């Protein structure tokens, strides 16, 4: 299973990448939303983890673009320190599947990732 991480905080990006690779996932990383969109031109991940506040293209813009494209079925989990209700609601309205507030516990995030991948696997579709 392949996961794209769009995260501009280097420490968080590396932590997520290591955590997911340890669990056997194939991980693609992007340090901003524009890089994530570029990588999505050639990659088809099974799940996307994205921050909201990123340079060039925000996580909210990324969600909006993806959910209005041919890749609209890819589940998206938002990871953000912004936990204002309006931001959370906007992410869900745009098509986010889940929202995890930073700081988060890696084991909880792994459980959410596993759950979404099981729900959206071709066997369950």
PDB file of N, CA and C in Angstrom:
ATOM      1  N   UNK A   1       0.843  -1.187   0.000  1.00  0.00           N
ATOM      2  CA  UNK A   1       0.000   0.000   0.000  1.00  0.00           C
ATOM      3  C   UNK A   1       0.887   1.248   0.000  1.00  0.00           C
ATOM      4  N   UNK A   2       0.459   2.224  -0.792  1.00  0.00           N
ATOM      5  CA  UNK A   2       1.259   3.430  -0.982  1.00  0.00           C
ATOM      6  C   UNK A   2       0.557   4.622  -0.334  1.00  0.00           C
ATOM      7  N   UNK A   3       1.341   5.418   0.409  1.00  0.00           N
ATOM      8  CA  UNK A   3       0.809   6.589   1.108  1.00  0.00           C
ATOM      9  C   UNK A   3       1.618   7.818   0.716  1.00  0.00           C
ATOM     10  N   UNK A   4       0.914   8.890   0.343  1.00  0.00           N
ATOM     11  CA  UNK A   4       1.561  10.169   0.076  1.00  0.00           C
ATOM     12  C   UNK A   4       1.426  11.045   1.311  1.00  0.00           C
ATOM     13  N   UNK A   5       2.547  11.595   1.770  1.00  0.00           N
ATOM     14  CA  UNK A   5       2.543  12.538   2.893  1.00  0.00           C
ATOM     15  C   UNK A   5       2.897  13.912   2.346  1.00  0.00           C
ATOM     16  N   UNK A   6       2.027  14.897   2.545  1.00  0.00           N
ATOM     17  CA  UNK A   6       2.295  16.288   2.184  1.00  0.00           C
ATOM     18  C   UNK A   6       2.426  17.065   3.491  1.00  0.00           C
ATOM     19  N   UNK A   7       3.640  17.436   3.833  1.00  0.00           N
ATOM     20  CA  UNK A   7       3.925  18.056   5.132  1.00  0.00           C
ATOM     21  C   UNK A   7       5.156  18.941   4.995  1.00  0.00           C
ATOM     22  N   UNK A   8       5.034  20.212   5.401  1.00  0.00           N
ATOM     23  CA  UNK A   8       6.163  21.124   5.253  1.00  0.00           C
ATOM     24  C   UNK A   8       7.102  21.141   6.455  1.00  0.00           C
ATOM     25  N   UNK A   9       6.681  20.616   7.586  1.00  0.00           N
ATOM     26  CA  UNK A   9       7.564  20.554   8.757  1.00  0.00           C
ATOM     27  C   UNK A   9       8.436  19.311   8.624  1.00  0.00           C
ATOM     28  N   UNK A  10       9.737  19.537   8.428  1.00  0.00           N
ATOM     29  CA  UNK A  10      10.672  18.457   8.129  1.00  0.00           C
ATOM     30  C   UNK A  10      10.664  17.356   9.194  1.00  0.00           C
ATOM     31  N   UNK A  11      10.658  17.732  10.467  1.00  0.00           N
ATOM     32  CA  UNK A  11      10.689  16.724  11.539  1.00  0.00           C
ATOM     33  C   UNK A  11       9.427  15.862  11.503  1.00  0.00           C
ATOM     34  N   UNK A  12       8.281  16.494  11.329  1.00  0.00           N
ATOM     35  CA  UNK A  12       7.019  15.746  11.261  1.00  0.00           C
ATOM     36  C   UNK A  12       7.010  14.837  10.034  1.00  0.00           C
ATOM     37  N   UNK A  13       7.476  15.352   8.909  1.00  0.00           N
ATOM     38  CA  UNK A  13       7.523  14.565   7.676  1.00  0.00           C
ATOM     39  C   UNK A  13       8.390  13.319   7.849  1.00  0.00           C
ATOM     40  N   UNK A  14       9.585  13.505   8.392  1.00  0.00           N
ATOM     41  CA  UNK A  14      10.491  12.368   8.589  1.00  0.00           C
ATOM     42  C   UNK A  14       9.947  11.370   9.600  1.00  0.00           C
ATOM     43  N   UNK A  15       9.307  11.871  10.660  1.00  0.00           N
ATOM     44  CA  UNK A  15       8.722  10.992  11.678  1.00  0.00           C
ATOM     45  C   UNK A  15       7.605  10.149  11.064  1.00  0.00           C
ATOM     46  N   UNK A  16       6.719  10.795  10.319  1.00  0.00           N
ATOM     47  CA  UNK A  16       5.627  10.075   9.668  1.00  0.00           C
ATOM     48  C   UNK A  16       6.161   9.053   8.666  1.00  0.00           C
ATOM     49  N   UNK A  17       7.138   9.467   7.880  1.00  0.00           N
ATOM     50  CA  UNK A  17       7.713   8.573   6.878  1.00  0.00           C
ATOM     51  C   UNK A  17       8.305   7.326   7.541  1.00  0.00           C
ATOM     52  N   UNK A  18       9.082   7.522   8.585  1.00  0.00           N
ATOM     53  CA  UNK A  18       9.711   6.385   9.275  1.00  0.00           C
ATOM     54  C   UNK A  18       8.668   5.480   9.915  1.00  0.00           C
ATOM     55  N   UNK A  19       7.690   6.086  10.562  1.00  0.00           N
ATOM     56  CA  UNK A  19       6.630   5.329  11.228  1.00  0.00           C
ATOM     57  C   UNK A  19       5.877   4.453  10.224  1.00  0.00           C
ATOM     58  N   UNK A  20       5.521   5.011   9.084  1.00  0.00           N
ATOM     59  CA  UNK A  20       4.761   4.271   8.072  1.00  0.00           C
ATOM     60  C   UNK A  20       5.615   3.216   7.375  1.00  0.00           C
ATOM     61  N   UNK A  21       6.872   3.540   7.109  1.00  0.00           N
ATOM     62  CA  UNK A  21       7.766   2.555   6.484  1.00  0.00           C
ATOM     63  C   UNK A  21       8.010   1.366   7.409  1.00  0.00           C
ATOM     64  N   UNK A  22       8.108   1.631   8.706  1.00  0.00           N
ATOM     65  CA  UNK A  22       8.288   0.563   9.684  1.00  0.00           C
ATOM     66  C   UNK A  22       7.116  -0.409   9.648  1.00  0.00           C
ATOM     67  N   UNK A  23       5.922   0.101   9.327  1.00  0.00           N
ATOM     68  CA  UNK A  23       4.731  -0.739   9.232  1.00  0.00           C
ATOM     69  C   UNK A  23       4.587  -1.401   7.859  1.00  0.00           C
ATOM     70  N   UNK A  24       5.565  -1.158   6.978  1.00  0.00           N
ATOM     71  CA  UNK A  24       5.571  -1.827   5.681  1.00  0.00           C
ATOM     72  C   UNK A  24       4.920  -1.063   4.539  1.00  0.00           C
ATOM     73  N   UNK A  25       4.573   0.198   4.761  1.00  0.00           N
ATOM     74  CA  UNK A  25       3.953   0.990   3.707  1.00  0.00           C
ATOM     75  C   UNK A  25       5.005   1.582   2.782  1.00  0.00           C
ATOM     76  N   UNK A  26       4.644   1.742   1.522  1.00  0.00           N
ATOM     77  CA  UNK A  26       5.452   2.449   0.543  1.00  0.00           C
ATOM     78  C   UNK A  26       5.089   3.921   0.709  1.00  0.00           C
ATOM     79  N   UNK A  27       6.061   4.787   0.950  1.00  0.00           N
ATOM     80  CA  UNK A  27       5.781   6.185   1.288  1.00  0.00           C
ATOM     81  C   UNK A  27       6.367   7.130   0.241  1.00  0.00           C
ATOM     82  N   UNK A  28       5.543   8.067  -0.175  1.00  0.00           N
ATOM     83  CA  UNK A  28       5.951   9.155  -1.062  1.00  0.00           C
ATOM     84  C   UNK A  28       5.850  10.424  -0.228  1.00  0.00           C
ATOM     85  N   UNK A  29       6.868  11.285  -0.289  1.00  0.00           N
ATOM     86  CA  UNK A  29       6.821  12.512   0.506  1.00  0.00           C
ATOM     87  C   UNK A  29       6.830  13.748  -0.390  1.00  0.00           C
ATOM     88  N   UNK A  30       6.178  14.787   0.122  1.00  0.00           N
ATOM     89  CA  UNK A  30       6.159  16.093  -0.540  1.00  0.00           C
ATOM     90  C   UNK A  30       6.219  17.150   0.554  1.00  0.00           C
ATOM     91  N   UNK A  31       7.047  18.170   0.351  1.00  0.00           N
ATOM     92  CA  UNK A  31       7.219  19.193   1.380  1.00  0.00           C
ATOM     93  C   UNK A  31       6.281  20.388   1.222  1.00  0.00           C
ATOM     94  N   UNK A  32       5.417  20.342   0.219  1.00  0.00           N
ATOM     95  CA  UNK A  32       4.378  21.360   0.078  1.00  0.00           C
ATOM     96  C   UNK A  32       3.300  20.818  -0.855  1.00  0.00           C
ATOM     97  N   UNK A  33       2.196  21.545  -0.951  1.00  0.00           N
ATOM     98  CA  UNK A  33       1.078  21.082  -1.754  1.00  0.00           C
ATOM     99  C   UNK A  33       1.373  21.017  -3.239  1.00  0.00           C
ATOM    100  N   UNK A  34       2.167  21.947  -3.731  1.00  0.00           N
ATOM    101  CA  UNK A  34       2.523  21.943  -5.153  1.00  0.00           C
ATOM    102  C   UNK A  34       3.334  20.699  -5.503  1.00  0.00           C
ATOM    103  N   UNK A  35       4.293  20.361  -4.649  1.00  0.00           N
ATOM    104  CA  UNK A  35       5.083  19.149  -4.867  1.00  0.00           C
ATOM    105  C   UNK A  35       4.195  17.905  -4.801  1.00  0.00           C
ATOM    106  N   UNK A  36       3.228  17.905  -3.893  1.00  0.00           N
ATOM    107  CA  UNK A  36       2.296  16.774  -3.788  1.00  0.00           C
ATOM    108  C   UNK A  36       1.507  16.617  -5.088  1.00  0.00           C
ATOM    109  N   UNK A  37       0.996  17.719  -5.633  1.00  0.00           N
ATOM    110  CA  UNK A  37       0.254  17.658  -6.888  1.00  0.00           C
ATOM    111  C   UNK A  37       1.129  17.157  -8.030  1.00  0.00           C
ATOM    112  N   UNK A  38       2.374  17.599  -8.065  1.00  0.00           N
ATOM    113  CA  UNK A  38       3.302  17.131  -9.096  1.00  0.00           C
ATOM    114  C   UNK A  38       3.538  15.628  -8.982  1.00  0.00           C
ATOM    115  N   UNK A  39       3.706  15.146  -7.767  1.00  0.00           N
ATOM    116  CA  UNK A  39       3.943  13.714  -7.573  1.00  0.00           C
ATOM    117  C   UNK A  39       2.698  12.893  -7.922  1.00  0.00           C
ATOM    118  N   UNK A  40       1.529  13.479  -7.704  1.00  0.00           N
ATOM    119  CA  UNK A  40       0.283  12.775  -8.013  1.00  0.00           C
ATOM    120  C   UNK A  40       0.042  12.620  -9.516  1.00  0.00           C
ATOM    121  N   UNK A  41       0.777  13.367 -10.325  1.00  0.00           N
ATOM    122  CA  UNK A  41       0.662  13.195 -11.772  1.00  0.00           C
ATOM    123  C   UNK A  41       1.162  11.813 -12.202  1.00  0.00           C
ATOM    124  N   UNK A  42       2.144  11.267 -11.454  1.00  0.00           N
ATOM    125  CA  UNK A  42       2.745   9.985 -11.823  1.00  0.00           C
ATOM    126  C   UNK A  42       2.510   8.878 -10.809  1.00  0.00           C
ATOM    127  N   UNK A  43       1.946   9.207  -9.676  1.00  0.00           N
ATOM    128  CA  UNK A  43       1.749   8.235  -8.599  1.00  0.00           C
ATOM    129  C   UNK A  43       0.262   8.100  -8.291  1.00  0.00           C
ATOM    130  N   UNK A  44      -0.122   6.927  -7.851  1.00  0.00           N
ATOM    131  CA  UNK A  44      -1.501   6.701  -7.422  1.00  0.00           C
ATOM    132  C   UNK A  44      -1.467   6.093  -6.023  1.00  0.00           C
ATOM    133  N   UNK A  45      -1.406   6.958  -4.998  1.00  0.00           N
ATOM    134  CA  UNK A  45      -1.364   6.426  -3.635  1.00  0.00           C
ATOM    135  C   UNK A  45      -2.717   5.864  -3.208  1.00  0.00           C
ATOM    136  N   UNK A  46      -2.675   5.016  -2.202  1.00  0.00           N
ATOM    137  CA  UNK A  46      -3.895   4.450  -1.639  1.00  0.00           C
ATOM    138  C   UNK A  46      -4.494   5.359  -0.568  1.00  0.00           C
ATOM    139  N   UNK A  47      -3.677   6.304  -0.078  1.00  0.00           N
ATOM    140  CA  UNK A  47      -4.098   7.210   0.992  1.00  0.00           C
ATOM    141  C   UNK A  47      -3.198   8.439   0.947  1.00  0.00           C
ATOM    142  N   UNK A  48      -3.759   9.593   1.333  1.00  0.00           N
ATOM    143  CA  UNK A  48      -2.979  10.825   1.420  1.00  0.00           C
ATOM    144  C   UNK A  48      -3.097  11.386   2.829  1.00  0.00           C
ATOM    145  N   UNK A  49      -1.951  11.749   3.404  1.00  0.00           N
ATOM    146  CA  UNK A  49      -1.899  12.484   4.665  1.00  0.00           C
ATOM    147  C   UNK A  49      -1.426  13.884   4.309  1.00  0.00           C
ATOM    148  N   UNK A  50      -2.171  14.909   4.700  1.00  0.00           N
ATOM    149  CA  UNK A  50      -1.764  16.265   4.358  1.00  0.00           C
ATOM    150  C   UNK A  50      -1.927  17.226   5.523  1.00  0.00           C
ATOM    151  N   UNK A  51      -0.975  18.127   5.613  1.00  0.00           N
ATOM    152  CA  UNK A  51      -1.058  19.262   6.520  1.00  0.00           C
ATOM    153  C   UNK A  51      -1.964  20.293   5.843  1.00  0.00           C
ATOM    154  N   UNK A  52      -2.422  21.292   6.585  1.00  0.00           N
ATOM    155  CA  UNK A  52      -3.221  22.359   5.983  1.00  0.00           C
ATOM    156  C   UNK A  52      -2.332  23.527   5.582  1.00  0.00           C
ATOM    157  N   UNK A  53      -1.555  24.036   6.521  1.00  0.00           N
ATOM    158  CA  UNK A  53      -0.736  25.215   6.270  1.00  0.00           C
ATOM    159  C   UNK A  53       0.587  24.799   5.641  1.00  0.00           C
ATOM    160  N   UNK A  54       0.649  24.920   4.300  1.00  0.00           N
ATOM    161  CA  UNK A  54       1.864  24.607   3.556  1.00  0.00           C
ATOM    162  C   UNK A  54       2.086  25.696   2.522  1.00  0.00           C
ATOM    163  N   UNK A  55       3.342  25.884   2.115  1.00  0.00           N
ATOM    164  CA  UNK A  55       3.607  26.877   1.069  1.00  0.00           C
ATOM    165  C   UNK A  55       3.074  26.440  -0.295  1.00  0.00           C
ATOM    166  N   UNK A  56       2.881  27.417  -1.168  1.00  0.00           N
ATOM    167  CA  UNK A  56       2.483  27.260  -2.570  1.00  0.00           C
ATOM    168  C   UNK A  56       1.041  26.790  -2.739  1.00  0.00           C
ATOM    169  N   UNK A  57       0.720  25.605  -2.238  1.00  0.00           N
ATOM    170  CA  UNK A  57      -0.645  25.083  -2.309  1.00  0.00           C
ATOM    171  C   UNK A  57      -0.989  24.542  -0.930  1.00  0.00           C
ATOM    172  N   UNK A  58      -2.025  25.076  -0.312  1.00  0.00           N
ATOM    173  CA  UNK A  58      -2.387  24.626   1.037  1.00  0.00           C
ATOM    174  C   UNK A  58      -3.016  23.237   0.981  1.00  0.00           C
ATOM    175  N   UNK A  59      -3.122  22.624   2.141  1.00  0.00           N
ATOM    176  CA  UNK A  59      -3.783  21.328   2.219  1.00  0.00           C
ATOM    177  C   UNK A  59      -5.243  21.410   1.805  1.00  0.00           C
ATOM    178  N   UNK A  60      -5.907  22.522   2.129  1.00  0.00           N
ATOM    179  CA  UNK A  60      -7.303  22.692   1.727  1.00  0.00           C
ATOM    180  C   UNK A  60      -7.423  22.788   0.208  1.00  0.00           C
ATOM    181  N   UNK A  61      -6.503  23.521  -0.413  1.00  0.00           N
ATOM    182  CA  UNK A  61      -6.505  23.598  -1.876  1.00  0.00           C
ATOM    183  C   UNK A  61      -6.222  22.233  -2.491  1.00  0.00           C
ATOM    184  N   UNK A  62      -5.292  21.504  -1.896  1.00  0.00           N
ATOM    185  CA  UNK A  62      -4.951  20.160  -2.365  1.00  0.00           C
ATOM    186  C   UNK A  62      -6.177  19.248  -2.327  1.00  0.00           C
ATOM    187  N   UNK A  63      -6.912  19.294  -1.221  1.00  0.00           N
ATOM    188  CA  UNK A  63      -8.128  18.479  -1.092  1.00  0.00           C
ATOM    189  C   UNK A  63      -9.133  18.855  -2.182  1.00  0.00           C
ATOM    190  N   UNK A  64      -9.367  20.151  -2.352  1.00  0.00           N
ATOM    191  CA  UNK A  64     -10.326  20.608  -3.353  1.00  0.00           C
ATOM    192  C   UNK A  64      -9.957  20.160  -4.761  1.00  0.00           C
ATOM    193  N   UNK A  65      -8.686  20.268  -5.107  1.00  0.00           N
ATOM    194  CA  UNK A  65      -8.216  19.860  -6.437  1.00  0.00           C
ATOM    195  C   UNK A  65      -8.387  18.357  -6.617  1.00  0.00           C
ATOM    196  N   UNK A  66      -7.975  17.585  -5.615  1.00  0.00           N
ATOM    197  CA  UNK A  66      -8.052  16.128  -5.734  1.00  0.00           C
ATOM    198  C   UNK A  66      -9.487  15.625  -5.804  1.00  0.00           C
ATOM    199  N   UNK A  67     -10.352  16.182  -4.985  1.00  0.00           N
ATOM    200  CA  UNK A  67     -11.729  15.692  -4.928  1.00  0.00           C
ATOM    201  C   UNK A  67     -12.538  16.093  -6.156  1.00  0.00           C
ATOM    202  N   UNK A  68     -12.012  17.011  -6.965  1.00  0.00           N
ATOM    203  CA  UNK A  68     -12.690  17.367  -8.207  1.00  0.00           C
ATOM    204  C   UNK A  68     -11.966  16.769  -9.422  1.00  0.00           C
ATOM    205  N   UNK A  69     -11.112  15.780  -9.161  1.00  0.00           N
ATOM    206  CA  UNK A  69     -10.334  15.162 -10.238  1.00  0.00           C
ATOM    207  C   UNK A  69     -10.648  13.674 -10.340  1.00  0.00           C
ATOM    208  N   UNK A  70      -9.953  13.023 -11.251  1.00  0.00           N
ATOM    209  CA  UNK A  70     -10.119  11.574 -11.434  1.00  0.00           C
ATOM    210  C   UNK A  70      -9.611  10.796 -10.219  1.00  0.00           C
ATOM    211  N   UNK A  71      -8.845  11.450  -9.358  1.00  0.00           N
ATOM    212  CA  UNK A  71      -8.295  10.783  -8.174  1.00  0.00           C
ATOM    213  C   UNK A  71      -9.141  11.068  -6.935  1.00  0.00           C
ATOM    214  N   UNK A  72     -10.403  11.390  -7.146  1.00  0.00           N
ATOM    215  CA  UNK A  72     -11.284  11.799  -6.048  1.00  0.00           C
ATOM    216  C   UNK A  72     -11.559  10.690  -5.039  1.00  0.00           C
ATOM    217  N   UNK A  73     -11.328   9.449  -5.403  1.00  0.00           N
ATOM    218  CA  UNK A  73     -11.612   8.345  -4.499  1.00  0.00           C
ATOM    219  C   UNK A  73     -10.522   8.044  -3.484  1.00  0.00           C
ATOM    220  N   UNK A  74      -9.381   8.727  -3.598  1.00  0.00           N
ATOM    221  CA  UNK A  74      -8.288   8.489  -2.649  1.00  0.00           C
ATOM    222  C   UNK A  74      -8.665   9.101  -1.303  1.00  0.00           C
ATOM    223  N   UNK A  75      -8.663   8.299  -0.233  1.00  0.00           N
ATOM    224  CA  UNK A  75      -8.979   8.867   1.083  1.00  0.00           C
ATOM    225  C   UNK A  75      -7.899   9.855   1.532  1.00  0.00           C
ATOM    226  N   UNK A  76      -8.333  10.915   2.198  1.00  0.00           N
ATOM    227  CA  UNK A  76      -7.426  11.960   2.669  1.00  0.00           C
ATOM    228  C   UNK A  76      -7.619  12.159   4.164  1.00  0.00           C
ATOM    229  N   UNK A  77      -6.516  12.057   4.896  1.00  0.00           N
ATOM    230  CA  UNK A  77      -6.506  12.368   6.326  1.00  0.00           C
ATOM    231  C   UNK A  77      -5.726  13.664   6.499  1.00  0.00           C
ATOM    232  N   UNK A  78      -6.357  14.654   7.108  1.00  0.00           N
ATOM    233  CA  UNK A  78      -5.715  15.939   7.362  1.00  0.00           C
ATOM    234  C   UNK A  78      -5.034  15.893   8.724  1.00  0.00           C
ATOM    235  N   UNK A  79      -3.790  16.361   8.754  1.00  0.00           N
ATOM    236  CA  UNK A  79      -3.028  16.488  10.000  1.00  0.00           C
ATOM    237  C   UNK A  79      -2.732  17.971  10.176  1.00  0.00           C
ATOM    238  N   UNK A  80      -3.231  18.579  11.242  1.00  0.00           N
ATOM    239  CA  UNK A  80      -3.025  20.013  11.378  1.00  0.00           C
ATOM    240  C   UNK A  80      -3.056  20.467  12.826  1.00  0.00           C
ATOM    241  N   UNK A  81      -2.257  21.491  13.104  1.00  0.00           N
ATOM    242  CA  UNK A  81      -2.292  22.130  14.415  1.00  0.00           C
ATOM    243  C   UNK A  81      -3.471  23.090  14.503  1.00  0.00           C
ATOM    244  N   UNK A  82      -4.051  23.428  13.368  1.00  0.00           N
ATOM    245  CA  UNK A  82      -5.226  24.306  13.345  1.00  0.00           C
ATOM    246  C   UNK A  82      -6.445  23.450  13.663  1.00  0.00           C
ATOM    247  N   UNK A  83      -7.038  23.694  14.815  1.00  0.00           N
ATOM    248  CA  UNK A  83      -8.200  22.885  15.188  1.00  0.00           C
ATOM    249  C   UNK A  83      -9.460  23.737  15.352  1.00  0.00           C
ATOM    250  N   UNK A  84      -9.463  24.904  14.700  1.00  0.00           N
ATOM    251  CA  UNK A  84     -10.653  25.739  14.742  1.00  0.00           C
ATOM    252  C   UNK A  84     -11.781  25.032  14.007  1.00  0.00           C
ATOM    253  N   UNK A  85     -12.966  25.116  14.556  1.00  0.00           N
ATOM    254  CA  UNK A  85     -14.104  24.412  13.976  1.00  0.00           C
ATOM    255  C   UNK A  85     -14.322  24.767  12.508  1.00  0.00           C
ATOM    256  N   UNK A  86     -14.158  26.038  12.161  1.00  0.00           N
ATOM    257  CA  UNK A  86     -14.399  26.442  10.770  1.00  0.00           C
ATOM    258  C   UNK A  86     -13.408  25.775   9.810  1.00  0.00           C
ATOM    259  N   UNK A  87     -12.165  25.629  10.234  1.00  0.00           N
ATOM    260  CA  UNK A  87     -11.155  24.982   9.382  1.00  0.00           C
ATOM    261  C   UNK A  87     -11.437  23.498   9.251  1.00  0.00           C
ATOM    262  N   UNK A  88     -11.776  22.861  10.361  1.00  0.00           N
ATOM    263  CA  UNK A  88     -12.105  21.436  10.338  1.00  0.00           C
ATOM    264  C   UNK A  88     -13.312  21.204   9.434  1.00  0.00           C
ATOM    265  N   UNK A  89     -14.336  22.017   9.584  1.00  0.00           N
ATOM    266  CA  UNK A  89     -15.544  21.860   8.771  1.00  0.00           C
ATOM    267  C   UNK A  89     -15.251  22.108   7.289  1.00  0.00           C
ATOM    268  N   UNK A  90     -14.422  23.095   6.997  1.00  0.00           N
ATOM    269  CA  UNK A  90     -14.065  23.364   5.604  1.00  0.00           C
ATOM    270  C   UNK A  90     -13.335  22.168   4.992  1.00  0.00           C
ATOM    271  N   UNK A  91     -12.425  21.566   5.752  1.00  0.00           N
ATOM    272  CA  UNK A  91     -11.702  20.385   5.262  1.00  0.00           C
ATOM    273  C   UNK A  91     -12.683  19.258   4.936  1.00  0.00           C
ATOM    274  N   UNK A  92     -13.646  19.027   5.807  1.00  0.00           N
ATOM    275  CA  UNK A  92     -14.641  17.973   5.555  1.00  0.00           C
ATOM    276  C   UNK A  92     -15.548  18.322   4.374  1.00  0.00           C
ATOM    277  N   UNK A  93     -15.956  19.593   4.260  1.00  0.00           N
ATOM    278  CA  UNK A  93     -16.795  20.007   3.136  1.00  0.00           C
ATOM    279  C   UNK A  93     -16.071  19.808   1.799  1.00  0.00           C
ATOM    280  N   UNK A  94     -14.769  20.026   1.798  1.00  0.00           N
ATOM    281  CA  UNK A  94     -13.985  19.853   0.575  1.00  0.00           C
ATOM    282  C   UNK A  94     -13.775  18.384   0.218  1.00  0.00           C
ATOM    283  N   UNK A  95     -13.953  17.493   1.216  1.00  0.00           N
ATOM    284  CA  UNK A  95     -13.829  16.071   0.923  1.00  0.00           C
ATOM    285  C   UNK A  95     -12.847  15.297   1.773  1.00  0.00           C
ATOM    286  N   UNK A  96     -12.266  15.927   2.792  1.00  0.00           N
ATOM    287  CA  UNK A  96     -11.371  15.182   3.687  1.00  0.00           C
ATOM    288  C   UNK A  96     -12.161  14.055   4.350  1.00  0.00           C
ATOM    289  N   UNK A  97     -11.492  12.950   4.584  1.00  0.00           N
ATOM    290  CA  UNK A  97     -12.147  11.799   5.199  1.00  0.00           C
ATOM    291  C   UNK A  97     -11.952  11.750   6.710  1.00  0.00           C
ATOM    292  N   UNK A  98     -10.887  12.386   7.190  1.00  0.00           N
ATOM    293  CA  UNK A  98     -10.618  12.392   8.622  1.00  0.00           C
ATOM    294  C   UNK A  98      -9.752  13.607   8.926  1.00  0.00           C
ATOM    295  N   UNK A  99      -9.725  14.018  10.197  1.00  0.00           N
ATOM    296  CA  UNK A  99      -8.959  15.180  10.634  1.00  0.00           C
ATOM    297  C   UNK A  99      -8.296  14.824  11.951  1.00  0.00           C
ATOM    298  N   UNK A 100      -6.972  14.921  11.998  1.00  0.00           N
ATOM    299  CA  UNK A 100      -6.215  14.611  13.208  1.00  0.00           C
ATOM    300  C   UNK A 100      -5.480  15.880  13.626  1.00  0.00           C
ATOM    301  N   UNK A 101      -5.696  16.290  14.869  1.00  0.00           N
ATOM    302  CA  UNK A 101      -5.067  17.503  15.377  1.00  0.00           C
ATOM    303  C   UNK A 101      -3.667  17.205  15.890  1.00  0.00           C
ATOM    304  N   UNK A 102      -2.713  18.060  15.485  1.00  0.00           N
ATOM    305  CA  UNK A 102      -1.338  17.962  15.985  1.00  0.00           C
ATOM    306  C   UNK A 102      -1.283  18.636  17.343  1.00  0.00           C
ATOM    307  N   UNK A 103      -0.478  18.157  18.243  1.00  0.00           N
ATOM    308  CA  UNK A 103       0.322  16.938  18.136  1.00  0.00           C
ATOM    309  C   UNK A 103      -0.571  15.709  18.254  1.00  0.00           C
ATOM    310  N   UNK A 104      -0.167  14.640  17.610  1.00  0.00           N
ATOM    311  CA  UNK A 104      -0.952  13.415  17.623  1.00  0.00           C
ATOM    312  C   UNK A 104      -0.059  12.270  18.080  1.00  0.00           C
ATOM    313  N   UNK A 105      -0.684  11.196  18.488  1.00  0.00           N
ATOM    314  CA  UNK A 105       0.053  10.009  18.901  1.00  0.00           C
ATOM    315  C   UNK A 105       0.243   9.114  17.676  1.00  0.00           C
ATOM    316  N   UNK A 106       1.472   8.742  17.339  1.00  0.00           N
ATOM    317  CA  UNK A 106       1.716   7.934  16.135  1.00  0.00           C
ATOM    318  C   UNK A 106       0.906   6.638  16.069  1.00  0.00           C
ATOM    319  N   UNK A 107       0.701   5.976  17.195  1.00  0.00           N
ATOM    320  CA  UNK A 107      -0.069   4.722  17.163  1.00  0.00           C
ATOM    321  C   UNK A 107      -1.523   4.971  16.777  1.00  0.00           C
ATOM    322  N   UNK A 108      -2.087   6.080  17.265  1.00  0.00           N
ATOM    323  CA  UNK A 108      -3.461   6.425  16.886  1.00  0.00           C
ATOM    324  C   UNK A 108      -3.540   6.696  15.382  1.00  0.00           C
ATOM    325  N   UNK A 109      -2.573   7.446  14.865  1.00  0.00           N
ATOM    326  CA  UNK A 109      -2.572   7.734  13.439  1.00  0.00           C
ATOM    327  C   UNK A 109      -2.433   6.443  12.630  1.00  0.00           C
ATOM    328  N   UNK A 110      -1.572   5.544  13.053  1.00  0.00           N
ATOM    329  CA  UNK A 110      -1.416   4.267  12.349  1.00  0.00           C
ATOM    330  C   UNK A 110      -2.718   3.482  12.320  1.00  0.00           C
ATOM    331  N   UNK A 111      -3.453   3.487  13.413  1.00  0.00           N
ATOM    332  CA  UNK A 111      -4.751   2.802  13.441  1.00  0.00           C
ATOM    333  C   UNK A 111      -5.732   3.423  12.449  1.00  0.00           C
ATOM    334  N   UNK A 112      -5.738   4.752  12.381  1.00  0.00           N
ATOM    335  CA  UNK A 112      -6.620   5.429  11.428  1.00  0.00           C
ATOM    336  C   UNK A 112      -6.220   5.095   9.995  1.00  0.00           C
ATOM    337  N   UNK A 113      -4.917   5.108   9.720  1.00  0.00           N
ATOM    338  CA  UNK A 113      -4.417   4.771   8.383  1.00  0.00           C
ATOM    339  C   UNK A 113      -4.835   3.355   8.016  1.00  0.00           C
ATOM    340  N   UNK A 114      -4.607   2.407   8.904  1.00  0.00           N
ATOM    341  CA  UNK A 114      -4.969   1.012   8.635  1.00  0.00           C
ATOM    342  C   UNK A 114      -6.469   0.880   8.377  1.00  0.00           C
ATOM    343  N   UNK A 115      -7.272   1.576   9.162  1.00  0.00           N
ATOM    344  CA  UNK A 115      -8.729   1.515   9.007  1.00  0.00           C
ATOM    345  C   UNK A 115      -9.153   2.038   7.632  1.00  0.00           C
ATOM    346  N   UNK A 116      -8.624   3.181   7.234  1.00  0.00           N
ATOM    347  CA  UNK A 116      -8.994   3.736   5.926  1.00  0.00           C
ATOM    348  C   UNK A 116      -8.517   2.854   4.790  1.00  0.00           C
ATOM    349  N   UNK A 117      -7.334   2.297   4.916  1.00  0.00           N
ATOM    350  CA  UNK A 117      -6.829   1.427   3.853  1.00  0.00           C
ATOM    351  C   UNK A 117      -7.670   0.152   3.750  1.00  0.00           C
ATOM    352  N   UNK A 118      -8.129  -0.364   4.880  1.00  0.00           N
ATOM    353  CA  UNK A 118      -8.994  -1.543   4.846  1.00  0.00           C
ATOM    354  C   UNK A 118     -10.355  -1.206   4.240  1.00  0.00           C
ATOM    355  N   UNK A 119     -10.907  -0.061   4.608  1.00  0.00           N
ATOM    356  CA  UNK A 119     -12.211   0.347   4.090  1.00  0.00           C
ATOM    357  C   UNK A 119     -12.184   0.622   2.591  1.00  0.00           C
ATOM    358  N   UNK A 120     -11.066   1.110   2.088  1.00  0.00           N
ATOM    359  CA  UNK A 120     -10.971   1.531   0.696  1.00  0.00           C
ATOM    360  C   UNK A 120     -10.174   0.573  -0.172  1.00  0.00           C
ATOM    361  N   UNK A 121      -9.843  -0.599   0.359  1.00  0.00           N
ATOM    362  CA  UNK A 121      -9.098  -1.557  -0.459  1.00  0.00           C
ATOM    363  C   UNK A 121     -10.022  -2.130  -1.522  1.00  0.00           C
ATOM    364  N   UNK A 122      -9.464  -2.557  -2.674  1.00  0.00           N
ATOM    365  CA  UNK A 122     -10.287  -3.098  -3.752  1.00  0.00           C
ATOM    366  C   UNK A 122     -11.143  -4.291  -3.320  1.00  0.00           C
ATOM    367  N   UNK A 123     -10.679  -5.061  -2.341  1.00  0.00           N
ATOM    368  CA  UNK A 123     -11.436  -6.221  -1.854  1.00  0.00           C
ATOM    369  C   UNK A 123     -12.741  -5.770  -1.212  1.00  0.00           C
ATOM    370  N   UNK A 124     -12.708  -4.593  -0.540  1.00  0.00           N
ATOM    371  CA  UNK A 124     -13.895  -4.096   0.153  1.00  0.00           C
ATOM    372  C   UNK A 124     -14.737  -3.158  -0.700  1.00  0.00           C
ATOM    373  N   UNK A 125     -14.300  -2.846  -1.897  1.00  0.00           N
ATOM    374  CA  UNK A 125     -15.054  -1.899  -2.742  1.00  0.00           C
ATOM    375  C   UNK A 125     -16.147  -2.606  -3.499  1.00  0.00           C
TER     376      UNK A 125
END
